[in-house]
Amino acid sequence: MDNFRVSSISQCRPQIAPGNAQTAPAVSPAPGSQKPKLLDQVRQAIRTRHYSYRTEKAYVHWIKRFIFFHNKRHPIEMGEPEIAQFLSSLASDAHVSASTQNQALNALLFLYRLGVKSRVD
């Protein structure tokens, strides 16, 4: 058997076939920036943990929705009261099911456990 080395994780990933919606696109940091943007960090953390692509899409969706719900405030500026307000709004205004609300909560928990610190009051 031939010995070979993998120089990057991207070599282990399957190639993206045209029209295959289940394969994750590559995440690359913005040129010239030192730290990747928030959602790129989330995507990278999800991929590092080998979560499914559908989980990645769902978590990014809920994190975006949370940020837009609070008028594009950065999550580092928000804490438990804003999370509770968002989740309550999903139940009362959007009439989502309990499992959907749970998925949104898990996405936000993932975000804050990733390293976004809650604000100091």
PDB file of N, CA and C in Angstrom:
ATOM      1  N   MET A   1       0.842  -1.178   0.000  1.00  0.00           N
ATOM      2  CA  MET A   1       0.000   0.000   0.000  1.00  0.00           C
ATOM      3  C   MET A   1       0.882   1.234   0.000  1.00  0.00           C
ATOM      4  N   ASP A   2       0.519   2.213  -0.793  1.00  0.00           N
ATOM      5  CA  ASP A   2       1.305   3.436  -0.917  1.00  0.00           C
ATOM      6  C   ASP A   2       1.106   4.323   0.299  1.00  0.00           C
ATOM      7  N   ASN A   3       2.180   4.931   0.738  1.00  0.00           N
ATOM      8  CA  ASN A   3       2.093   5.914   1.814  1.00  0.00           C
ATOM      9  C   ASN A   3       1.814   7.279   1.206  1.00  0.00           C
ATOM     10  N   PHE A   4       0.940   7.998   1.822  1.00  0.00           N
ATOM     11  CA  PHE A   4       0.661   9.352   1.367  1.00  0.00           C
ATOM     12  C   PHE A   4       0.306  10.207   2.559  1.00  0.00           C
ATOM     13  N   ARG A   5       0.487  11.499   2.412  1.00  0.00           N
ATOM     14  CA  ARG A   5       0.184  12.445   3.475  1.00  0.00           C
ATOM     15  C   ARG A   5      -0.882  13.406   2.993  1.00  0.00           C
ATOM     16  N   VAL A   6      -1.741  13.744   3.895  1.00  0.00           N
ATOM     17  CA  VAL A   6      -2.770  14.734   3.610  1.00  0.00           C
ATOM     18  C   VAL A   6      -2.268  16.050   4.183  1.00  0.00           C
ATOM     19  N   SER A   7      -2.093  17.037   3.316  1.00  0.00           N
ATOM     20  CA  SER A   7      -1.543  18.305   3.784  1.00  0.00           C
ATOM     21  C   SER A   7      -2.617  19.244   4.325  1.00  0.00           C
ATOM     22  N   SER A   8      -3.865  18.980   4.005  1.00  0.00           N
ATOM     23  CA  SER A   8      -4.929  19.815   4.554  1.00  0.00           C
ATOM     24  C   SER A   8      -6.220  19.014   4.613  1.00  0.00           C
ATOM     25  N   ILE A   9      -7.117  19.485   5.443  1.00  0.00           N
ATOM     26  CA  ILE A   9      -8.410  18.824   5.591  1.00  0.00           C
ATOM     27  C   ILE A   9      -9.194  18.877   4.289  1.00  0.00           C
ATOM     28  N   SER A  10      -8.980  19.924   3.502  1.00  0.00           N
ATOM     29  CA  SER A  10      -9.737  20.066   2.261  1.00  0.00           C
ATOM     30  C   SER A  10      -9.465  18.912   1.299  1.00  0.00           C
ATOM     31  N   GLN A  11      -8.311  18.278   1.424  1.00  0.00           N
ATOM     32  CA  GLN A  11      -8.030  17.135   0.562  1.00  0.00           C
ATOM     33  C   GLN A  11      -8.856  15.919   0.945  1.00  0.00           C
ATOM     34  N   CYS A  12      -9.333  15.882   2.196  1.00  0.00           N
ATOM     35  CA  CYS A  12     -10.143  14.762   2.658  1.00  0.00           C
ATOM     36  C   CYS A  12     -11.608  14.930   2.311  1.00  0.00           C
ATOM     37  N   ARG A  13     -12.018  16.153   2.051  1.00  0.00           N
ATOM     38  CA  ARG A  13     -13.429  16.413   1.755  1.00  0.00           C
ATOM     39  C   ARG A  13     -13.767  15.956   0.337  1.00  0.00           C
ATOM     40  N   PRO A  14     -14.975  15.461   0.161  1.00  0.00           N
ATOM     41  CA  PRO A  14     -15.385  15.105  -1.193  1.00  0.00           C
ATOM     42  C   PRO A  14     -15.537  16.356  -2.042  1.00  0.00           C
ATOM     43  N   GLN A  15     -15.295  16.217  -3.320  1.00  0.00           N
ATOM     44  CA  GLN A  15     -15.453  17.347  -4.227  1.00  0.00           C
ATOM     45  C   GLN A  15     -16.928  17.711  -4.340  1.00  0.00           C
ATOM     46  N   ILE A  16     -17.201  18.988  -4.494  1.00  0.00           N
ATOM     47  CA  ILE A  16     -18.582  19.456  -4.610  1.00  0.00           C
ATOM     48  C   ILE A  16     -19.079  19.180  -6.026  1.00  0.00           C
ATOM     49  N   ALA A  17     -20.072  18.346  -6.103  1.00  0.00           N
ATOM     50  CA  ALA A  17     -20.652  18.026  -7.395  1.00  0.00           C
ATOM     51  C   ALA A  17     -21.708  19.062  -7.732  1.00  0.00           C
ATOM     52  N   PRO A  18     -21.820  19.473  -8.997  1.00  0.00           N
ATOM     53  CA  PRO A  18     -22.838  20.456  -9.362  1.00  0.00           C
ATOM     54  C   PRO A  18     -24.228  19.944  -9.007  1.00  0.00           C
ATOM     55  N   GLY A  19     -24.997  20.791  -8.339  1.00  0.00           N
ATOM     56  CA  GLY A  19     -26.367  20.444  -7.988  1.00  0.00           C
ATOM     57  C   GLY A  19     -26.494  19.631  -6.717  1.00  0.00           C
ATOM     58  N   ASN A  20     -25.387  19.340  -6.048  1.00  0.00           N
ATOM     59  CA  ASN A  20     -25.457  18.567  -4.812  1.00  0.00           C
ATOM     60  C   ASN A  20     -25.579  19.529  -3.642  1.00  0.00           C
ATOM     61  N   ALA A  21     -26.781  19.686  -3.118  1.00  0.00           N
ATOM     62  CA  ALA A  21     -27.053  20.672  -2.073  1.00  0.00           C
ATOM     63  C   ALA A  21     -26.598  20.194  -0.702  1.00  0.00           C
ATOM     64  N   GLN A  22     -26.233  18.945  -0.554  1.00  0.00           N
ATOM     65  CA  GLN A  22     -25.868  18.414   0.752  1.00  0.00           C
ATOM     66  C   GLN A  22     -24.386  18.578   1.076  1.00  0.00           C
ATOM     67  N   THR A  23     -23.584  19.040   0.142  1.00  0.00           N
ATOM     68  CA  THR A  23     -22.162  19.182   0.364  1.00  0.00           C
ATOM     69  C   THR A  23     -21.848  20.611   0.770  1.00  0.00           C
ATOM     70  N   ALA A  24     -21.062  20.772   1.815  1.00  0.00           N
ATOM     71  CA  ALA A  24     -20.772  22.095   2.359  1.00  0.00           C
ATOM     72  C   ALA A  24     -19.756  22.843   1.498  1.00  0.00           C
ATOM     73  N   PRO A  25     -20.024  24.128   1.214  1.00  0.00           N
ATOM     74  CA  PRO A  25     -19.035  24.928   0.510  1.00  0.00           C
ATOM     75  C   PRO A  25     -17.873  25.256   1.444  1.00  0.00           C
ATOM     76  N   ALA A  26     -16.740  25.531   0.872  1.00  0.00           N
ATOM     77  CA  ALA A  26     -15.556  25.834   1.678  1.00  0.00           C
ATOM     78  C   ALA A  26     -15.695  27.181   2.368  1.00  0.00           C
ATOM     79  N   VAL A  27     -15.162  27.276   3.574  1.00  0.00           N
ATOM     80  CA  VAL A  27     -15.164  28.529   4.322  1.00  0.00           C
ATOM     81  C   VAL A  27     -13.773  29.111   4.230  1.00  0.00           C
ATOM     82  N   SER A  28     -13.676  30.321   3.715  1.00  0.00           N
ATOM     83  CA  SER A  28     -12.383  30.972   3.651  1.00  0.00           C
ATOM     84  C   SER A  28     -12.485  32.345   4.292  1.00  0.00           C
ATOM     85  N   PRO A  29     -11.501  32.704   5.113  1.00  0.00           N
ATOM     86  CA  PRO A  29     -11.545  34.015   5.745  1.00  0.00           C
ATOM     87  C   PRO A  29     -11.389  35.118   4.713  1.00  0.00           C
ATOM     88  N   ALA A  30     -11.926  36.263   5.032  1.00  0.00           N
ATOM     89  CA  ALA A  30     -11.843  37.403   4.131  1.00  0.00           C
ATOM     90  C   ALA A  30     -10.379  37.792   3.950  1.00  0.00           C
ATOM     91  N   PRO A  31      -9.984  38.164   2.715  1.00  0.00           N
ATOM     92  CA  PRO A  31      -8.596  38.524   2.492  1.00  0.00           C
ATOM     93  C   PRO A  31      -8.222  39.770   3.296  1.00  0.00           C
ATOM     94  N   GLY A  32      -7.045  39.719   3.891  1.00  0.00           N
ATOM     95  CA  GLY A  32      -6.555  40.868   4.633  1.00  0.00           C
ATOM     96  C   GLY A  32      -7.031  40.945   6.078  1.00  0.00           C
ATOM     97  N   SER A  33      -8.007  40.121   6.453  1.00  0.00           N
ATOM     98  CA  SER A  33      -8.484  40.161   7.828  1.00  0.00           C
ATOM     99  C   SER A  33      -7.747  39.109   8.644  1.00  0.00           C
ATOM    100  N   GLN A  34      -7.536  39.420   9.920  1.00  0.00           N
ATOM    101  CA  GLN A  34      -6.812  38.488  10.758  1.00  0.00           C
ATOM    102  C   GLN A  34      -7.735  37.464  11.389  1.00  0.00           C
ATOM    103  N   LYS A  35      -8.937  37.879  11.746  1.00  0.00           N
ATOM    104  CA  LYS A  35      -9.871  36.986  12.403  1.00  0.00           C
ATOM    105  C   LYS A  35     -11.085  36.790  11.493  1.00  0.00           C
ATOM    106  N   PRO A  36     -11.503  35.546  11.261  1.00  0.00           N
ATOM    107  CA  PRO A  36     -12.670  35.325  10.404  1.00  0.00           C
ATOM    108  C   PRO A  36     -13.926  35.940  11.016  1.00  0.00           C
ATOM    109  N   LYS A  37     -14.873  36.242  10.174  1.00  0.00           N
ATOM    110  CA  LYS A  37     -16.128  36.810  10.647  1.00  0.00           C
ATOM    111  C   LYS A  37     -16.860  35.795  11.520  1.00  0.00           C
ATOM    112  N   LEU A  38     -17.817  36.301  12.281  1.00  0.00           N
ATOM    113  CA  LEU A  38     -18.524  35.487  13.260  1.00  0.00           C
ATOM    114  C   LEU A  38     -19.124  34.226  12.652  1.00  0.00           C
ATOM    115  N   LEU A  39     -19.888  34.364  11.569  1.00  0.00           N
ATOM    116  CA  LEU A  39     -20.547  33.196  10.988  1.00  0.00           C
ATOM    117  C   LEU A  39     -19.537  32.228  10.376  1.00  0.00           C
ATOM    118  N   ASP A  40     -18.407  32.748   9.881  1.00  0.00           N
ATOM    119  CA  ASP A  40     -17.358  31.855   9.385  1.00  0.00           C
ATOM    120  C   ASP A  40     -16.742  31.067  10.535  1.00  0.00           C
ATOM    121  N   GLN A  41     -16.611  31.712  11.697  1.00  0.00           N
ATOM    122  CA  GLN A  41     -16.102  31.000  12.875  1.00  0.00           C
ATOM    123  C   GLN A  41     -17.069  29.900  13.298  1.00  0.00           C
ATOM    124  N   VAL A  42     -18.366  30.205  13.239  1.00  0.00           N
ATOM    125  CA  VAL A  42     -19.383  29.214  13.595  1.00  0.00           C
ATOM    126  C   VAL A  42     -19.320  28.042  12.628  1.00  0.00           C
ATOM    127  N   ARG A  43     -19.261  28.342  11.337  1.00  0.00           N
ATOM    128  CA  ARG A  43     -19.197  27.272  10.335  1.00  0.00           C
ATOM    129  C   ARG A  43     -17.970  26.390  10.565  1.00  0.00           C
ATOM    130  N   GLN A  44     -16.822  27.032  10.820  1.00  0.00           N
ATOM    131  CA  GLN A  44     -15.599  26.262  11.027  1.00  0.00           C
ATOM    132  C   GLN A  44     -15.701  25.390  12.263  1.00  0.00           C
ATOM    133  N   ALA A  45     -16.270  25.910  13.336  1.00  0.00           N
ATOM    134  CA  ALA A  45     -16.422  25.137  14.571  1.00  0.00           C
ATOM    135  C   ALA A  45     -17.360  23.944  14.357  1.00  0.00           C
ATOM    136  N   ILE A  46     -18.414  24.142  13.602  1.00  0.00           N
ATOM    137  CA  ILE A  46     -19.355  23.060  13.312  1.00  0.00           C
ATOM    138  C   ILE A  46     -18.665  21.972  12.496  1.00  0.00           C
ATOM    139  N   ARG A  47     -17.884  22.393  11.512  1.00  0.00           N
ATOM    140  CA  ARG A  47     -17.196  21.411  10.669  1.00  0.00           C
ATOM    141  C   ARG A  47     -16.113  20.674  11.444  1.00  0.00           C
ATOM    142  N   THR A  48     -15.452  21.370  12.352  1.00  0.00           N
ATOM    143  CA  THR A  48     -14.424  20.732  13.177  1.00  0.00           C
ATOM    144  C   THR A  48     -15.040  19.632  14.034  1.00  0.00           C
ATOM    145  N   ARG A  49     -16.272  19.848  14.462  1.00  0.00           N
ATOM    146  CA  ARG A  49     -16.970  18.871  15.301  1.00  0.00           C
ATOM    147  C   ARG A  49     -17.706  17.808  14.484  1.00  0.00           C
ATOM    148  N   HIS A  50     -17.581  17.885  13.172  1.00  0.00           N
ATOM    149  CA  HIS A  50     -18.182  16.919  12.243  1.00  0.00           C
ATOM    150  C   HIS A  50     -19.704  16.868  12.339  1.00  0.00           C
ATOM    151  N   TYR A  51     -20.326  18.024  12.573  1.00  0.00           N
ATOM    152  CA  TYR A  51     -21.786  18.085  12.530  1.00  0.00           C
ATOM    153  C   TYR A  51     -22.217  17.994  11.071  1.00  0.00           C
ATOM    154  N   SER A  52     -23.460  17.655  10.844  1.00  0.00           N
ATOM    155  CA  SER A  52     -23.937  17.529   9.469  1.00  0.00           C
ATOM    156  C   SER A  52     -24.085  18.908   8.827  1.00  0.00           C
ATOM    157  N   TYR A  53     -24.078  18.910   7.513  1.00  0.00           N
ATOM    158  CA  TYR A  53     -24.231  20.155   6.760  1.00  0.00           C
ATOM    159  C   TYR A  53     -25.595  20.789   7.039  1.00  0.00           C
ATOM    160  N   ARG A  54     -26.612  19.976   7.210  1.00  0.00           N
ATOM    161  CA  ARG A  54     -27.946  20.513   7.504  1.00  0.00           C
ATOM    162  C   ARG A  54     -27.979  21.185   8.874  1.00  0.00           C
ATOM    163  N   THR A  55     -27.249  20.645   9.824  1.00  0.00           N
ATOM    164  CA  THR A  55     -27.146  21.291  11.138  1.00  0.00           C
ATOM    165  C   THR A  55     -26.442  22.627  10.992  1.00  0.00           C
ATOM    166  N   GLU A  56     -25.388  22.656  10.200  1.00  0.00           N
ATOM    167  CA  GLU A  56     -24.662  23.902   9.946  1.00  0.00           C
ATOM    168  C   GLU A  56     -25.596  24.960   9.361  1.00  0.00           C
ATOM    169  N   LYS A  57     -26.341  24.574   8.347  1.00  0.00           N
ATOM    170  CA  LYS A  57     -27.273  25.522   7.723  1.00  0.00           C
ATOM    171  C   LYS A  57     -28.307  26.023   8.718  1.00  0.00           C
ATOM    172  N   ALA A  58     -28.851  25.121   9.520  1.00  0.00           N
ATOM    173  CA  ALA A  58     -29.882  25.496  10.486  1.00  0.00           C
ATOM    174  C   ALA A  58     -29.316  26.428  11.557  1.00  0.00           C
ATOM    175  N   TYR A  59     -28.156  26.102  12.100  1.00  0.00           N
ATOM    176  CA  TYR A  59     -27.552  26.933  13.155  1.00  0.00           C
ATOM    177  C   TYR A  59     -27.215  28.324  12.629  1.00  0.00           C
ATOM    178  N   VAL A  60     -26.628  28.396  11.449  1.00  0.00           N
ATOM    179  CA  VAL A  60     -26.294  29.705  10.869  1.00  0.00           C
ATOM    180  C   VAL A  60     -27.576  30.507  10.632  1.00  0.00           C
ATOM    181  N   HIS A  61     -28.624  29.840  10.176  1.00  0.00           N
ATOM    182  CA  HIS A  61     -29.908  30.509   9.962  1.00  0.00           C
ATOM    183  C   HIS A  61     -30.426  31.126  11.261  1.00  0.00           C
ATOM    184  N   TRP A  62     -30.430  30.346  12.345  1.00  0.00           N
ATOM    185  CA  TRP A  62     -30.964  30.852  13.615  1.00  0.00           C
ATOM    186  C   TRP A  62     -30.093  31.943  14.216  1.00  0.00           C
ATOM    187  N   ILE A  63     -28.793  31.835  14.040  1.00  0.00           N
ATOM    188  CA  ILE A  63     -27.904  32.888  14.548  1.00  0.00           C
ATOM    189  C   ILE A  63     -28.136  34.186  13.778  1.00  0.00           C
ATOM    190  N   LYS A  64     -28.267  34.084  12.452  1.00  0.00           N
ATOM    191  CA  LYS A  64     -28.569  35.277  11.645  1.00  0.00           C
ATOM    192  C   LYS A  64     -29.906  35.883  12.062  1.00  0.00           C
ATOM    193  N   ARG A  65     -30.885  35.031  12.222  1.00  0.00           N
ATOM    194  CA  ARG A  65     -32.221  35.515  12.588  1.00  0.00           C
ATOM    195  C   ARG A  65     -32.203  36.210  13.951  1.00  0.00           C
ATOM    196  N   PHE A  66     -31.417  35.681  14.882  1.00  0.00           N
ATOM    197  CA  PHE A  66     -31.257  36.289  16.208  1.00  0.00           C
ATOM    198  C   PHE A  66     -30.619  37.675  16.082  1.00  0.00           C
ATOM    199  N   ILE A  67     -29.580  37.772  15.271  1.00  0.00           N
ATOM    200  CA  ILE A  67     -28.883  39.049  15.082  1.00  0.00           C
ATOM    201  C   ILE A  67     -29.811  40.066  14.424  1.00  0.00           C
ATOM    202  N   PHE A  68     -30.537  39.663  13.396  1.00  0.00           N
ATOM    203  CA  PHE A  68     -31.445  40.586  12.715  1.00  0.00           C
ATOM    204  C   PHE A  68     -32.643  40.958  13.590  1.00  0.00           C
ATOM    205  N   PHE A  69     -33.080  40.049  14.446  1.00  0.00           N
ATOM    206  CA  PHE A  69     -34.183  40.345  15.362  1.00  0.00           C
ATOM    207  C   PHE A  69     -33.812  41.508  16.276  1.00  0.00           C
ATOM    208  N   HIS A  70     -32.533  41.560  16.640  1.00  0.00           N
ATOM    209  CA  HIS A  70     -32.060  42.627  17.526  1.00  0.00           C
ATOM    210  C   HIS A  70     -31.338  43.727  16.745  1.00  0.00           C
ATOM    211  N   ASN A  71     -31.822  44.008  15.547  1.00  0.00           N
ATOM    212  CA  ASN A  71     -31.330  45.123  14.724  1.00  0.00           C
ATOM    213  C   ASN A  71     -29.823  45.087  14.481  1.00  0.00           C
ATOM    214  N   LYS A  72     -29.332  43.923  14.108  1.00  0.00           N
ATOM    215  CA  LYS A  72     -27.940  43.700  13.720  1.00  0.00           C
ATOM    216  C   LYS A  72     -26.933  44.007  14.825  1.00  0.00           C
ATOM    217  N   ARG A  73     -27.340  43.825  16.054  1.00  0.00           N
ATOM    218  CA  ARG A  73     -26.387  43.961  17.161  1.00  0.00           C
ATOM    219  C   ARG A  73     -25.509  42.711  17.200  1.00  0.00           C
ATOM    220  N   HIS A  74     -24.265  42.897  17.558  1.00  0.00           N
ATOM    221  CA  HIS A  74     -23.348  41.761  17.655  1.00  0.00           C
ATOM    222  C   HIS A  74     -23.711  40.949  18.898  1.00  0.00           C
ATOM    223  N   PRO A  75     -23.666  39.630  18.816  1.00  0.00           N
ATOM    224  CA  PRO A  75     -24.017  38.790  19.971  1.00  0.00           C
ATOM    225  C   PRO A  75     -23.196  39.075  21.224  1.00  0.00           C
ATOM    226  N   ILE A  76     -21.996  39.604  21.073  1.00  0.00           N
ATOM    227  CA  ILE A  76     -21.185  39.911  22.248  1.00  0.00           C
ATOM    228  C   ILE A  76     -21.826  41.020  23.074  1.00  0.00           C
ATOM    229  N   GLU A  77     -22.670  41.834  22.443  1.00  0.00           N
ATOM    230  CA  GLU A  77     -23.363  42.926  23.133  1.00  0.00           C
ATOM    231  C   GLU A  77     -24.645  42.452  23.805  1.00  0.00           C
ATOM    232  N   MET A  78     -25.030  41.228  23.544  1.00  0.00           N
ATOM    233  CA  MET A  78     -26.306  40.721  24.044  1.00  0.00           C
ATOM    234  C   MET A  78     -26.071  39.586  25.024  1.00  0.00           C
ATOM    235  N   GLY A  79     -27.082  39.315  25.824  1.00  0.00           N
ATOM    236  CA  GLY A  79     -26.976  38.258  26.812  1.00  0.00           C
ATOM    237  C   GLY A  79     -28.276  37.499  26.963  1.00  0.00           C
ATOM    238  N   GLU A  80     -28.486  36.983  28.139  1.00  0.00           N
ATOM    239  CA  GLU A  80     -29.639  36.143  28.431  1.00  0.00           C
ATOM    240  C   GLU A  80     -30.981  36.835  28.185  1.00  0.00           C
ATOM    241  N   PRO A  81     -31.151  38.114  28.559  1.00  0.00           N
ATOM    242  CA  PRO A  81     -32.456  38.752  28.309  1.00  0.00           C
ATOM    243  C   PRO A  81     -32.817  38.814  26.819  1.00  0.00           C
ATOM    244  N   GLU A  82     -31.818  39.076  25.971  1.00  0.00           N
ATOM    245  CA  GLU A  82     -32.079  39.146  24.529  1.00  0.00           C
ATOM    246  C   GLU A  82     -32.393  37.770  23.949  1.00  0.00           C
ATOM    247  N   ILE A  83     -31.734  36.759  24.463  1.00  0.00           N
ATOM    248  CA  ILE A  83     -32.020  35.395  24.004  1.00  0.00           C
ATOM    249  C   ILE A  83     -33.442  35.006  24.392  1.00  0.00           C
ATOM    250  N   ALA A  84     -33.810  35.291  25.629  1.00  0.00           N
ATOM    251  CA  ALA A  84     -35.167  34.978  26.099  1.00  0.00           C
ATOM    252  C   ALA A  84     -36.211  35.729  25.295  1.00  0.00           C
ATOM    253  N   GLN A  85     -35.932  36.998  24.994  1.00  0.00           N
ATOM    254  CA  GLN A  85     -36.870  37.800  24.200  1.00  0.00           C
ATOM    255  C   GLN A  85     -37.041  37.203  22.802  1.00  0.00           C
ATOM    256  N   PHE A  86     -35.936  36.784  22.186  1.00  0.00           N
ATOM    257  CA  PHE A  86     -35.983  36.192  20.855  1.00  0.00           C
ATOM    258  C   PHE A  86     -36.777  34.887  20.859  1.00  0.00           C
ATOM    259  N   LEU A  87     -36.491  34.024  21.814  1.00  0.00           N
ATOM    260  CA  LEU A  87     -37.179  32.732  21.880  1.00  0.00           C
ATOM    261  C   LEU A  87     -38.669  32.911  22.188  1.00  0.00           C
ATOM    262  N   SER A  88     -39.001  33.861  23.039  1.00  0.00           N
ATOM    263  CA  SER A  88     -40.411  34.148  23.332  1.00  0.00           C
ATOM    264  C   SER A  88     -41.126  34.659  22.102  1.00  0.00           C
ATOM    265  N   SER A  89     -40.437  35.496  21.333  1.00  0.00           N
ATOM    266  CA  SER A  89     -41.020  36.022  20.101  1.00  0.00           C
ATOM    267  C   SER A  89     -41.286  34.908  19.086  1.00  0.00           C
ATOM    268  N   LEU A  90     -40.386  33.939  19.033  1.00  0.00           N
ATOM    269  CA  LEU A  90     -40.609  32.810  18.119  1.00  0.00           C
ATOM    270  C   LEU A  90     -41.898  32.080  18.474  1.00  0.00           C
ATOM    271  N   ALA A  91     -42.117  31.888  19.768  1.00  0.00           N
ATOM    272  CA  ALA A  91     -43.303  31.152  20.203  1.00  0.00           C
ATOM    273  C   ALA A  91     -44.572  31.976  20.043  1.00  0.00           C
ATOM    274  N   SER A  92     -44.533  33.239  20.470  1.00  0.00           N
ATOM    275  CA  SER A  92     -45.757  34.040  20.495  1.00  0.00           C
ATOM    276  C   SER A  92     -46.072  34.713  19.158  1.00  0.00           C
ATOM    277  N   ASP A  93     -45.062  35.239  18.470  1.00  0.00           N
ATOM    278  CA  ASP A  93     -45.308  35.970  17.223  1.00  0.00           C
ATOM    279  C   ASP A  93     -45.219  35.080  15.978  1.00  0.00           C
ATOM    280  N   ALA A  94     -44.189  34.237  15.935  1.00  0.00           N
ATOM    281  CA  ALA A  94     -43.987  33.392  14.758  1.00  0.00           C
ATOM    282  C   ALA A  94     -44.729  32.068  14.847  1.00  0.00           C
ATOM    283  N   HIS A  95     -45.218  31.725  16.035  1.00  0.00           N
ATOM    284  CA  HIS A  95     -45.993  30.498  16.258  1.00  0.00           C
ATOM    285  C   HIS A  95     -45.238  29.250  15.806  1.00  0.00           C
ATOM    286  N   VAL A  96     -43.941  29.194  16.142  1.00  0.00           N
ATOM    287  CA  VAL A  96     -43.163  28.012  15.783  1.00  0.00           C
ATOM    288  C   VAL A  96     -43.425  26.910  16.805  1.00  0.00           C
ATOM    289  N   SER A  97     -43.130  25.686  16.416  1.00  0.00           N
ATOM    290  CA  SER A  97     -43.325  24.553  17.322  1.00  0.00           C
ATOM    291  C   SER A  97     -42.238  24.546  18.390  1.00  0.00           C
ATOM    292  N   ALA A  98     -42.455  23.746  19.412  1.00  0.00           N
ATOM    293  CA  ALA A  98     -41.489  23.642  20.502  1.00  0.00           C
ATOM    294  C   ALA A  98     -40.155  23.105  19.997  1.00  0.00           C
ATOM    295  N   SER A  99     -40.187  22.169  19.071  1.00  0.00           N
ATOM    296  CA  SER A  99     -38.935  21.600  18.564  1.00  0.00           C
ATOM    297  C   SER A  99     -38.152  22.638  17.747  1.00  0.00           C
ATOM    298  N   THR A 100     -38.856  23.485  17.038  1.00  0.00           N
ATOM    299  CA  THR A 100     -38.195  24.547  16.281  1.00  0.00           C
ATOM    300  C   THR A 100     -37.570  25.560  17.237  1.00  0.00           C
ATOM    301  N   GLN A 101     -38.296  25.889  18.273  1.00  0.00           N
ATOM    302  CA  GLN A 101     -37.782  26.803  19.286  1.00  0.00           C
ATOM    303  C   GLN A 101     -36.547  26.194  19.971  1.00  0.00           C
ATOM    304  N   ASN A 102     -36.581  24.900  20.200  1.00  0.00           N
ATOM    305  CA  ASN A 102     -35.443  24.193  20.787  1.00  0.00           C
ATOM    306  C   ASN A 102     -34.224  24.243  19.871  1.00  0.00           C
ATOM    307  N   GLN A 103     -34.457  24.103  18.576  1.00  0.00           N
ATOM    308  CA  GLN A 103     -33.358  24.157  17.625  1.00  0.00           C
ATOM    309  C   GLN A 103     -32.717  25.547  17.636  1.00  0.00           C
ATOM    310  N   ALA A 104     -33.532  26.592  17.691  1.00  0.00           N
ATOM    311  CA  ALA A 104     -33.013  27.950  17.768  1.00  0.00           C
ATOM    312  C   ALA A 104     -32.198  28.138  19.046  1.00  0.00           C
ATOM    313  N   LEU A 105     -32.704  27.625  20.158  1.00  0.00           N
ATOM    314  CA  LEU A 105     -31.984  27.709  21.425  1.00  0.00           C
ATOM    315  C   LEU A 105     -30.644  26.995  21.339  1.00  0.00           C
ATOM    316  N   ASN A 106     -30.627  25.795  20.765  1.00  0.00           N
ATOM    317  CA  ASN A 106     -29.376  25.048  20.637  1.00  0.00           C
ATOM    318  C   ASN A 106     -28.365  25.766  19.755  1.00  0.00           C
ATOM    319  N   ALA A 107     -28.832  26.427  18.707  1.00  0.00           N
ATOM    320  CA  ALA A 107     -27.933  27.207  17.849  1.00  0.00           C
ATOM    321  C   ALA A 107     -27.306  28.351  18.638  1.00  0.00           C
ATOM    322  N   LEU A 108     -28.111  29.030  19.450  1.00  0.00           N
ATOM    323  CA  LEU A 108     -27.589  30.151  20.244  1.00  0.00           C
ATOM    324  C   LEU A 108     -26.660  29.654  21.355  1.00  0.00           C
ATOM    325  N   LEU A 109     -26.992  28.520  21.953  1.00  0.00           N
ATOM    326  CA  LEU A 109     -26.099  27.927  22.957  1.00  0.00           C
ATOM    327  C   LEU A 109     -24.755  27.575  22.332  1.00  0.00           C
ATOM    328  N   PHE A 110     -24.792  27.027  21.142  1.00  0.00           N
ATOM    329  CA  PHE A 110     -23.560  26.685  20.430  1.00  0.00           C
ATOM    330  C   PHE A 110     -22.739  27.953  20.198  1.00  0.00           C
ATOM    331  N   LEU A 111     -23.390  29.012  19.768  1.00  0.00           N
ATOM    332  CA  LEU A 111     -22.713  30.279  19.500  1.00  0.00           C
ATOM    333  C   LEU A 111     -22.029  30.813  20.747  1.00  0.00           C
ATOM    334  N   TYR A 112     -22.754  30.860  21.852  1.00  0.00           N
ATOM    335  CA  TYR A 112     -22.194  31.437  23.065  1.00  0.00           C
ATOM    336  C   TYR A 112     -21.154  30.524  23.715  1.00  0.00           C
ATOM    337  N   ARG A 113     -21.296  29.224  23.568  1.00  0.00           N
ATOM    338  CA  ARG A 113     -20.269  28.306  24.090  1.00  0.00           C
ATOM    339  C   ARG A 113     -19.021  28.326  23.231  1.00  0.00           C
ATOM    340  N   LEU A 114     -19.178  28.755  21.994  1.00  0.00           N
ATOM    341  CA  LEU A 114     -18.053  28.845  21.060  1.00  0.00           C
ATOM    342  C   LEU A 114     -17.047  29.891  21.511  1.00  0.00           C
ATOM    343  N   GLY A 115     -17.500  30.878  22.248  1.00  0.00           N
ATOM    344  CA  GLY A 115     -16.548  31.874  22.711  1.00  0.00           C
ATOM    345  C   GLY A 115     -17.086  33.278  22.713  1.00  0.00           C
ATOM    346  N   VAL A 116     -18.318  33.470  22.263  1.00  0.00           N
ATOM    347  CA  VAL A 116     -18.916  34.792  22.351  1.00  0.00           C
ATOM    348  C   VAL A 116     -19.339  34.971  23.797  1.00  0.00           C
ATOM    349  N   LYS A 117     -18.747  35.905  24.463  1.00  0.00           N
ATOM    350  CA  LYS A 117     -19.041  36.134  25.874  1.00  0.00           C
ATOM    351  C   LYS A 117     -20.263  37.031  26.013  1.00  0.00           C
ATOM    352  N   SER A 118     -21.055  36.773  27.045  1.00  0.00           N
ATOM    353  CA  SER A 118     -22.222  37.620  27.280  1.00  0.00           C
ATOM    354  C   SER A 118     -21.741  38.950  27.844  1.00  0.00           C
ATOM    355  N   ARG A 119     -22.531  39.959  27.662  1.00  0.00           N
ATOM    356  CA  ARG A 119     -22.135  41.295  28.082  1.00  0.00           C
ATOM    357  C   ARG A 119     -22.122  41.383  29.611  1.00  0.00           C
ATOM    358  N   VAL A 120     -21.384  42.315  30.107  1.00  0.00           N
ATOM    359  CA  VAL A 120     -21.313  42.546  31.547  1.00  0.00           C
ATOM    360  C   VAL A 120     -22.245  43.683  31.870  1.00  0.00           C
ATOM    361  N   ASP A 121     -23.236  43.430  32.757  1.00  0.00           N
ATOM    362  CA  ASP A 121     -24.206  44.467  33.119  1.00  0.00           C
ATOM    363  C   ASP A 121     -23.742  45.246  34.325  1.00  0.00           C
TER     364      ASP A 121
END
